[in-house]
N, C-alpha and C. Protein backbone atom coordinates (compact mmCIF):
# COMPACT_ATOMS: atom_id res chain seq x y z
N MET A 1 -72.10 12.96 0.37
CA MET A 1 -71.23 12.48 1.41
C MET A 1 -70.32 11.37 0.87
N ARG A 2 -70.91 10.45 0.11
CA ARG A 2 -70.11 9.38 -0.46
C ARG A 2 -69.02 9.94 -1.35
N CYS A 3 -69.30 10.94 -2.10
CA CYS A 3 -68.34 11.53 -3.02
C CYS A 3 -67.15 12.09 -2.24
N LEU A 4 -67.42 12.73 -1.12
CA LEU A 4 -66.34 13.29 -0.32
C LEU A 4 -65.46 12.19 0.29
N PHE A 5 -66.05 11.05 0.64
CA PHE A 5 -65.29 9.96 1.23
C PHE A 5 -64.45 9.24 0.17
N PHE A 6 -65.01 8.98 -0.99
CA PHE A 6 -64.30 8.23 -2.02
C PHE A 6 -63.24 9.05 -2.74
N SER A 7 -63.38 10.34 -2.80
CA SER A 7 -62.39 11.18 -3.49
C SER A 7 -61.01 11.07 -2.84
N PRO A 8 -60.87 11.24 -1.53
CA PRO A 8 -59.53 11.10 -0.92
C PRO A 8 -59.01 9.67 -1.04
N VAL A 9 -59.89 8.66 -0.94
CA VAL A 9 -59.46 7.27 -1.05
C VAL A 9 -58.93 7.02 -2.46
N ALA A 10 -59.63 7.51 -3.47
CA ALA A 10 -59.20 7.34 -4.85
C ALA A 10 -57.88 8.07 -5.09
N LEU A 11 -57.75 9.26 -4.53
CA LEU A 11 -56.52 10.03 -4.67
C LEU A 11 -55.35 9.29 -4.02
N LEU A 12 -55.55 8.75 -2.82
CA LEU A 12 -54.51 8.00 -2.12
C LEU A 12 -54.13 6.74 -2.90
N ALA A 13 -55.11 6.05 -3.45
CA ALA A 13 -54.84 4.84 -4.24
C ALA A 13 -54.05 5.20 -5.50
N GLY A 14 -54.37 6.30 -6.11
CA GLY A 14 -53.65 6.73 -7.31
C GLY A 14 -52.21 7.08 -7.01
N ILE A 15 -51.97 7.79 -5.90
CA ILE A 15 -50.60 8.16 -5.51
C ILE A 15 -49.79 6.91 -5.20
N THR A 16 -50.40 5.96 -4.49
CA THR A 16 -49.71 4.72 -4.14
C THR A 16 -49.34 3.94 -5.39
N THR A 17 -50.24 3.89 -6.37
CA THR A 17 -49.98 3.18 -7.61
C THR A 17 -48.83 3.82 -8.38
N VAL A 18 -48.83 5.14 -8.46
CA VAL A 18 -47.76 5.85 -9.17
C VAL A 18 -46.42 5.62 -8.46
N ALA A 19 -46.40 5.69 -7.14
CA ALA A 19 -45.15 5.47 -6.38
C ALA A 19 -44.64 4.05 -6.58
N ALA A 20 -45.53 3.09 -6.57
CA ALA A 20 -45.12 1.69 -6.75
C ALA A 20 -44.58 1.46 -8.16
N ALA A 21 -45.15 2.13 -9.14
CA ALA A 21 -44.69 1.97 -10.51
C ALA A 21 -43.29 2.55 -10.69
N GLN A 22 -42.98 3.62 -9.94
CA GLN A 22 -41.66 4.23 -10.05
C GLN A 22 -40.59 3.41 -9.33
N ASN A 23 -40.96 2.67 -8.30
CA ASN A 23 -40.03 1.84 -7.53
C ASN A 23 -40.52 0.40 -7.50
N PRO A 24 -40.34 -0.33 -8.61
CA PRO A 24 -40.82 -1.71 -8.62
C PRO A 24 -40.05 -2.53 -7.57
N PRO A 25 -40.71 -3.55 -7.04
CA PRO A 25 -40.03 -4.37 -6.03
C PRO A 25 -38.83 -5.10 -6.63
N VAL A 26 -37.79 -5.24 -5.82
CA VAL A 26 -36.58 -5.93 -6.26
C VAL A 26 -36.84 -7.43 -6.19
N PRO A 27 -36.59 -8.15 -7.30
CA PRO A 27 -36.83 -9.59 -7.27
C PRO A 27 -35.82 -10.26 -6.34
N PRO A 28 -36.20 -11.36 -5.70
CA PRO A 28 -35.26 -12.05 -4.82
C PRO A 28 -34.11 -12.63 -5.64
N PRO A 29 -32.91 -12.74 -5.04
CA PRO A 29 -31.78 -13.28 -5.80
C PRO A 29 -32.02 -14.73 -6.17
N ALA A 30 -31.48 -15.10 -7.31
CA ALA A 30 -31.61 -16.49 -7.77
C ALA A 30 -30.82 -17.39 -6.83
N PRO A 31 -31.32 -18.58 -6.57
CA PRO A 31 -30.58 -19.48 -5.68
C PRO A 31 -29.24 -19.85 -6.31
N ALA A 32 -28.20 -19.86 -5.50
CA ALA A 32 -26.86 -20.21 -5.98
C ALA A 32 -26.75 -21.71 -6.15
N SER A 33 -26.01 -22.09 -7.18
CA SER A 33 -25.80 -23.52 -7.38
C SER A 33 -24.89 -24.03 -6.28
N ALA A 34 -24.90 -25.32 -6.06
CA ALA A 34 -24.08 -25.91 -4.99
C ALA A 34 -22.61 -25.67 -5.25
N ALA A 35 -22.18 -25.71 -6.51
CA ALA A 35 -20.77 -25.50 -6.83
C ALA A 35 -20.36 -24.06 -6.55
N ALA A 36 -21.23 -23.11 -6.89
CA ALA A 36 -20.90 -21.71 -6.67
C ALA A 36 -20.93 -21.37 -5.19
N ALA A 37 -21.77 -22.02 -4.42
CA ALA A 37 -21.89 -21.71 -3.00
C ALA A 37 -20.76 -22.32 -2.19
N ALA A 38 -20.14 -23.37 -2.68
CA ALA A 38 -19.07 -24.03 -1.93
C ALA A 38 -17.85 -23.13 -1.87
N PRO A 39 -17.24 -22.95 -0.70
CA PRO A 39 -16.06 -22.10 -0.60
C PRO A 39 -14.87 -22.74 -1.33
N GLN A 40 -14.06 -21.88 -1.93
CA GLN A 40 -12.88 -22.39 -2.62
C GLN A 40 -11.81 -22.72 -1.59
N ALA A 41 -11.05 -23.74 -1.88
CA ALA A 41 -9.97 -24.11 -0.97
C ALA A 41 -8.91 -23.01 -0.99
N GLY A 42 -8.48 -22.59 0.18
CA GLY A 42 -7.48 -21.54 0.28
C GLY A 42 -6.07 -22.07 0.10
N VAL A 43 -5.18 -21.16 -0.13
CA VAL A 43 -3.77 -21.48 -0.25
C VAL A 43 -3.19 -21.63 1.15
N LYS A 44 -2.31 -22.60 1.33
CA LYS A 44 -1.63 -22.78 2.61
C LYS A 44 -0.29 -22.04 2.56
N LEU A 45 0.21 -21.66 3.73
CA LEU A 45 1.51 -20.99 3.76
C LEU A 45 2.60 -21.83 3.10
N ALA A 46 2.53 -23.14 3.26
CA ALA A 46 3.54 -24.02 2.67
C ALA A 46 3.53 -23.95 1.14
N ASP A 47 2.40 -23.52 0.54
CA ASP A 47 2.33 -23.39 -0.92
C ASP A 47 3.27 -22.30 -1.44
N TYR A 48 3.64 -21.35 -0.57
CA TYR A 48 4.54 -20.27 -0.96
C TYR A 48 6.01 -20.70 -0.92
N ALA A 49 6.29 -21.89 -0.39
CA ALA A 49 7.67 -22.34 -0.18
C ALA A 49 8.49 -22.27 -1.46
N GLY A 50 9.74 -21.85 -1.30
CA GLY A 50 10.65 -21.79 -2.43
C GLY A 50 11.38 -20.48 -2.49
N THR A 51 12.04 -20.27 -3.62
CA THR A 51 12.81 -19.05 -3.85
C THR A 51 12.13 -18.26 -4.96
N TRP A 52 11.88 -17.00 -4.69
CA TRP A 52 11.16 -16.14 -5.61
C TRP A 52 12.05 -14.98 -6.04
N ASP A 53 12.05 -14.66 -7.32
CA ASP A 53 12.73 -13.47 -7.83
C ASP A 53 11.67 -12.39 -7.95
N ALA A 54 11.87 -11.30 -7.18
CA ALA A 54 10.84 -10.26 -7.10
C ALA A 54 11.37 -8.92 -7.60
N LYS A 55 10.44 -8.11 -8.09
CA LYS A 55 10.77 -6.74 -8.50
C LYS A 55 9.68 -5.80 -8.01
N THR A 56 10.11 -4.60 -7.61
CA THR A 56 9.15 -3.57 -7.20
C THR A 56 9.14 -2.50 -8.28
N MET A 57 7.94 -1.99 -8.57
CA MET A 57 7.76 -1.06 -9.67
C MET A 57 6.93 0.13 -9.21
N VAL A 58 7.24 1.31 -9.76
CA VAL A 58 6.47 2.51 -9.48
C VAL A 58 6.25 3.28 -10.78
N GLY A 59 5.30 4.18 -10.73
CA GLY A 59 5.05 5.07 -11.85
C GLY A 59 4.11 4.50 -12.88
N PRO A 60 3.71 5.35 -13.82
CA PRO A 60 2.73 4.95 -14.83
C PRO A 60 3.24 3.88 -15.80
N LYS A 61 4.56 3.75 -15.91
CA LYS A 61 5.12 2.75 -16.83
C LYS A 61 5.72 1.57 -16.07
N ASP A 62 5.39 1.46 -14.77
CA ASP A 62 5.89 0.37 -13.93
C ASP A 62 7.41 0.23 -14.01
N SER A 63 8.10 1.34 -13.79
CA SER A 63 9.57 1.32 -13.79
C SER A 63 10.07 0.51 -12.60
N VAL A 64 10.97 -0.43 -12.85
CA VAL A 64 11.52 -1.27 -11.79
C VAL A 64 12.50 -0.42 -10.97
N VAL A 65 12.25 -0.36 -9.65
CA VAL A 65 13.11 0.44 -8.78
C VAL A 65 13.99 -0.42 -7.88
N ALA A 66 13.62 -1.67 -7.68
CA ALA A 66 14.44 -2.57 -6.86
C ALA A 66 14.08 -4.01 -7.18
N THR A 67 15.07 -4.88 -7.03
CA THR A 67 14.83 -6.32 -7.17
C THR A 67 15.37 -7.00 -5.92
N TYR A 68 14.79 -8.13 -5.58
CA TYR A 68 15.24 -8.88 -4.41
C TYR A 68 14.85 -10.34 -4.56
N THR A 69 15.41 -11.16 -3.69
CA THR A 69 15.07 -12.57 -3.64
C THR A 69 14.27 -12.82 -2.38
N LEU A 70 13.12 -13.43 -2.52
CA LEU A 70 12.28 -13.80 -1.39
C LEU A 70 12.41 -15.31 -1.21
N THR A 71 12.79 -15.71 0.00
CA THR A 71 12.94 -17.14 0.28
C THR A 71 11.93 -17.52 1.35
N VAL A 72 11.14 -18.56 1.07
CA VAL A 72 10.11 -19.04 1.99
C VAL A 72 10.44 -20.49 2.34
N SER A 73 10.48 -20.78 3.64
CA SER A 73 10.81 -22.14 4.09
C SER A 73 9.74 -23.14 3.66
N ALA A 74 10.08 -24.43 3.73
CA ALA A 74 9.18 -25.49 3.28
C ALA A 74 7.84 -25.47 4.01
N ASP A 75 7.84 -25.11 5.30
CA ASP A 75 6.58 -25.06 6.04
C ASP A 75 5.87 -23.71 5.90
N GLY A 76 6.51 -22.76 5.21
CA GLY A 76 5.91 -21.46 4.97
C GLY A 76 5.98 -20.51 6.15
N LYS A 77 6.67 -20.89 7.21
CA LYS A 77 6.68 -20.07 8.42
C LYS A 77 7.85 -19.09 8.49
N THR A 78 8.91 -19.31 7.72
CA THR A 78 10.07 -18.42 7.74
C THR A 78 10.24 -17.78 6.37
N TRP A 79 10.17 -16.46 6.34
CA TRP A 79 10.31 -15.71 5.11
C TRP A 79 11.49 -14.75 5.26
N THR A 80 12.32 -14.63 4.22
CA THR A 80 13.40 -13.64 4.22
C THR A 80 13.45 -12.95 2.86
N ARG A 81 13.82 -11.69 2.92
CA ARG A 81 14.00 -10.88 1.71
C ARG A 81 15.48 -10.53 1.65
N GLN A 82 16.09 -10.67 0.46
CA GLN A 82 17.50 -10.33 0.33
C GLN A 82 17.73 -9.54 -0.94
N TYR A 83 18.27 -8.33 -0.75
CA TYR A 83 18.67 -7.49 -1.87
C TYR A 83 20.11 -7.86 -2.24
N ALA A 84 20.52 -7.57 -3.46
CA ALA A 84 21.88 -7.88 -3.91
C ALA A 84 22.90 -7.24 -2.98
N ASN A 85 23.93 -7.99 -2.63
CA ASN A 85 25.03 -7.53 -1.78
C ASN A 85 24.57 -7.06 -0.40
N ARG A 86 23.49 -7.64 0.10
CA ARG A 86 22.98 -7.30 1.43
C ARG A 86 22.68 -8.58 2.19
N ASP A 87 22.63 -8.45 3.52
CA ASP A 87 22.25 -9.58 4.37
C ASP A 87 20.74 -9.82 4.23
N PRO A 88 20.29 -11.06 4.44
CA PRO A 88 18.85 -11.34 4.42
C PRO A 88 18.12 -10.56 5.52
N ILE A 89 16.88 -10.19 5.24
CA ILE A 89 16.06 -9.44 6.19
C ILE A 89 14.83 -10.29 6.51
N ALA A 90 14.57 -10.46 7.80
CA ALA A 90 13.40 -11.24 8.21
C ALA A 90 12.12 -10.56 7.73
N THR A 91 11.21 -11.36 7.24
CA THR A 91 9.91 -10.88 6.78
C THR A 91 8.83 -11.64 7.54
N ARG A 92 7.87 -10.90 8.07
CA ARG A 92 6.80 -11.49 8.88
C ARG A 92 5.51 -11.57 8.08
N VAL A 93 4.81 -12.69 8.21
CA VAL A 93 3.49 -12.82 7.61
C VAL A 93 2.49 -12.26 8.62
N LEU A 94 1.78 -11.20 8.23
CA LEU A 94 0.80 -10.58 9.11
C LEU A 94 -0.57 -11.23 8.96
N ALA A 95 -0.90 -11.62 7.73
CA ALA A 95 -2.21 -12.23 7.47
C ALA A 95 -2.15 -12.98 6.15
N PHE A 96 -2.97 -14.01 6.05
CA PHE A 96 -3.12 -14.69 4.77
C PHE A 96 -4.47 -15.39 4.74
N GLY A 97 -4.98 -15.56 3.53
CA GLY A 97 -6.25 -16.24 3.33
C GLY A 97 -6.59 -16.22 1.85
N GLY A 98 -7.30 -17.25 1.41
CA GLY A 98 -7.61 -17.34 -0.01
C GLY A 98 -6.33 -17.39 -0.80
N ASP A 99 -6.15 -16.46 -1.73
CA ASP A 99 -4.91 -16.41 -2.52
C ASP A 99 -4.00 -15.27 -2.08
N SER A 100 -4.31 -14.63 -0.94
CA SER A 100 -3.60 -13.42 -0.53
C SER A 100 -2.73 -13.62 0.69
N VAL A 101 -1.65 -12.84 0.73
CA VAL A 101 -0.77 -12.82 1.89
C VAL A 101 -0.33 -11.37 2.12
N VAL A 102 -0.24 -10.97 3.38
CA VAL A 102 0.24 -9.64 3.75
C VAL A 102 1.50 -9.84 4.58
N THR A 103 2.61 -9.22 4.14
CA THR A 103 3.88 -9.36 4.86
C THR A 103 4.41 -7.99 5.27
N GLU A 104 5.29 -8.02 6.26
CA GLU A 104 5.96 -6.81 6.74
C GLU A 104 7.45 -7.11 6.83
N THR A 105 8.25 -6.22 6.29
CA THR A 105 9.70 -6.35 6.35
C THR A 105 10.28 -5.06 6.91
N GLY A 106 11.14 -5.19 7.91
CA GLY A 106 11.81 -4.01 8.42
C GLY A 106 11.48 -3.71 9.87
N PRO A 107 12.05 -2.62 10.32
CA PRO A 107 12.80 -1.62 9.55
C PRO A 107 14.17 -2.13 9.11
N TYR A 108 14.60 -1.64 7.94
CA TYR A 108 15.90 -2.02 7.37
C TYR A 108 16.46 -0.82 6.60
N GLN A 109 17.74 -0.87 6.26
CA GLN A 109 18.38 0.21 5.51
C GLN A 109 17.81 0.23 4.09
N SER A 110 17.32 1.38 3.69
CA SER A 110 16.70 1.53 2.38
C SER A 110 17.68 1.27 1.24
N VAL A 111 17.20 0.62 0.21
CA VAL A 111 17.98 0.40 -1.00
C VAL A 111 17.93 1.66 -1.87
N LEU A 112 16.79 2.34 -1.86
CA LEU A 112 16.59 3.50 -2.72
C LEU A 112 17.07 4.80 -2.10
N ARG A 113 17.06 4.89 -0.78
CA ARG A 113 17.43 6.13 -0.09
C ARG A 113 18.51 5.83 0.95
N PRO A 114 19.76 5.85 0.54
CA PRO A 114 20.85 5.53 1.46
C PRO A 114 20.80 6.40 2.72
N GLY A 115 21.06 5.75 3.86
CA GLY A 115 21.06 6.46 5.13
C GLY A 115 19.70 6.50 5.81
N GLN A 116 18.65 6.05 5.14
CA GLN A 116 17.32 6.05 5.74
C GLN A 116 16.87 4.61 6.02
N THR A 117 16.07 4.47 7.06
CA THR A 117 15.46 3.16 7.32
C THR A 117 14.04 3.17 6.81
N VAL A 118 13.56 1.98 6.48
CA VAL A 118 12.24 1.84 5.87
C VAL A 118 11.60 0.55 6.37
N THR A 119 10.29 0.56 6.45
CA THR A 119 9.51 -0.64 6.71
C THR A 119 8.56 -0.81 5.54
N THR A 120 8.49 -2.02 5.00
CA THR A 120 7.70 -2.27 3.80
C THR A 120 6.64 -3.33 4.05
N TRP A 121 5.43 -3.05 3.59
CA TRP A 121 4.33 -4.00 3.63
C TRP A 121 4.01 -4.40 2.20
N VAL A 122 3.78 -5.68 2.00
CA VAL A 122 3.40 -6.20 0.68
C VAL A 122 2.09 -6.96 0.82
N HIS A 123 1.17 -6.68 -0.08
CA HIS A 123 -0.08 -7.44 -0.18
C HIS A 123 0.00 -8.19 -1.50
N GLY A 124 0.30 -9.49 -1.41
CA GLY A 124 0.52 -10.29 -2.61
C GLY A 124 -0.59 -11.28 -2.88
N HIS A 125 -0.77 -11.58 -4.15
CA HIS A 125 -1.76 -12.57 -4.60
C HIS A 125 -1.01 -13.73 -5.26
N TYR A 126 -1.24 -14.91 -4.75
CA TYR A 126 -0.54 -16.12 -5.18
C TYR A 126 -1.22 -16.71 -6.41
N HIS A 127 -0.40 -17.02 -7.43
CA HIS A 127 -0.91 -17.62 -8.67
C HIS A 127 -0.06 -18.83 -9.06
N GLY A 128 0.30 -19.67 -8.10
CA GLY A 128 1.12 -20.85 -8.40
C GLY A 128 2.60 -20.52 -8.50
N LYS A 129 3.07 -20.24 -9.70
CA LYS A 129 4.48 -19.92 -9.90
C LYS A 129 4.74 -18.42 -9.94
N THR A 130 3.70 -17.61 -9.80
CA THR A 130 3.87 -16.16 -9.77
C THR A 130 3.07 -15.56 -8.62
N MET A 131 3.51 -14.38 -8.20
CA MET A 131 2.78 -13.57 -7.23
C MET A 131 2.77 -12.15 -7.75
N THR A 132 1.65 -11.47 -7.59
CA THR A 132 1.56 -10.07 -7.95
C THR A 132 0.87 -9.34 -6.81
N GLY A 133 1.07 -8.05 -6.74
CA GLY A 133 0.42 -7.30 -5.68
C GLY A 133 0.92 -5.88 -5.59
N THR A 134 0.78 -5.31 -4.40
CA THR A 134 1.18 -3.94 -4.15
C THR A 134 2.09 -3.88 -2.93
N PHE A 135 2.88 -2.81 -2.87
CA PHE A 135 3.72 -2.59 -1.69
C PHE A 135 3.53 -1.16 -1.22
N GLU A 136 3.84 -0.96 0.06
CA GLU A 136 3.81 0.37 0.65
C GLU A 136 5.00 0.45 1.60
N SER A 137 5.91 1.38 1.31
CA SER A 137 7.12 1.54 2.12
C SER A 137 7.03 2.84 2.91
N HIS A 138 7.24 2.74 4.22
CA HIS A 138 7.21 3.91 5.11
C HIS A 138 8.63 4.18 5.59
N TYR A 139 9.13 5.37 5.27
CA TYR A 139 10.48 5.76 5.66
C TYR A 139 10.46 6.44 7.02
N ALA A 140 11.61 6.39 7.70
CA ALA A 140 11.72 7.03 9.02
C ALA A 140 11.45 8.54 8.92
N SER A 141 11.70 9.13 7.75
CA SER A 141 11.46 10.56 7.54
C SER A 141 9.98 10.90 7.48
N GLY A 142 9.13 9.88 7.33
CA GLY A 142 7.70 10.11 7.18
C GLY A 142 7.21 9.94 5.76
N ASP A 143 8.13 9.88 4.80
CA ASP A 143 7.74 9.69 3.40
C ASP A 143 7.16 8.29 3.21
N VAL A 144 6.26 8.19 2.23
CA VAL A 144 5.64 6.91 1.89
C VAL A 144 5.79 6.69 0.39
N LEU A 145 6.20 5.50 0.01
CA LEU A 145 6.32 5.12 -1.40
C LEU A 145 5.41 3.93 -1.64
N LYS A 146 4.56 4.03 -2.66
CA LYS A 146 3.64 2.94 -3.01
C LYS A 146 3.90 2.49 -4.43
N GLY A 147 3.66 1.21 -4.68
CA GLY A 147 3.84 0.70 -6.03
C GLY A 147 3.37 -0.73 -6.16
N LYS A 148 3.85 -1.37 -7.21
CA LYS A 148 3.47 -2.76 -7.50
C LYS A 148 4.64 -3.68 -7.24
N VAL A 149 4.33 -4.94 -7.03
CA VAL A 149 5.35 -5.97 -6.87
C VAL A 149 4.95 -7.18 -7.70
N ALA A 150 5.95 -7.82 -8.30
CA ALA A 150 5.71 -9.05 -9.06
C ALA A 150 6.86 -10.00 -8.75
N ALA A 151 6.54 -11.27 -8.57
CA ALA A 151 7.57 -12.27 -8.25
C ALA A 151 7.29 -13.55 -9.03
N THR A 152 8.38 -14.23 -9.37
CA THR A 152 8.30 -15.51 -10.07
C THR A 152 9.11 -16.53 -9.29
N ARG A 153 8.51 -17.69 -9.08
CA ARG A 153 9.22 -18.76 -8.37
C ARG A 153 10.27 -19.37 -9.29
N ARG A 154 11.45 -19.63 -8.73
CA ARG A 154 12.53 -20.26 -9.51
C ARG A 154 12.22 -21.70 -9.78
């Protein structure tokens, strides 16, 4: 009788041991240092103030397809984009935080596709005197153009 009782118990213990060996417990994460745990100070909209020379690029070789001047007011609340020989276009800040800003410009007359209107969103990353990021342009026809953007403060 004892043999019949201990055999299933031994079998169950063996299976549990094998399963535990295959899936060792995950160690708890190491405590973060105080410096690493402290949040980094974010960029303020006023930090973007100034005049920026920007270029938009597409394709595997980052071919420049358009250039423009981005002007940001001293308080960071008024943004305008201006292409050569064109009137300034109001640009709205949709979101910002950390080193990132998301803007929307348009609809406006396309520089690349005459006769079409386009709305462009830019997700930029602030690096002091430079900004880099991506853009996405939506044309009235339904076409979408995506690429990179880079800007340097004057």
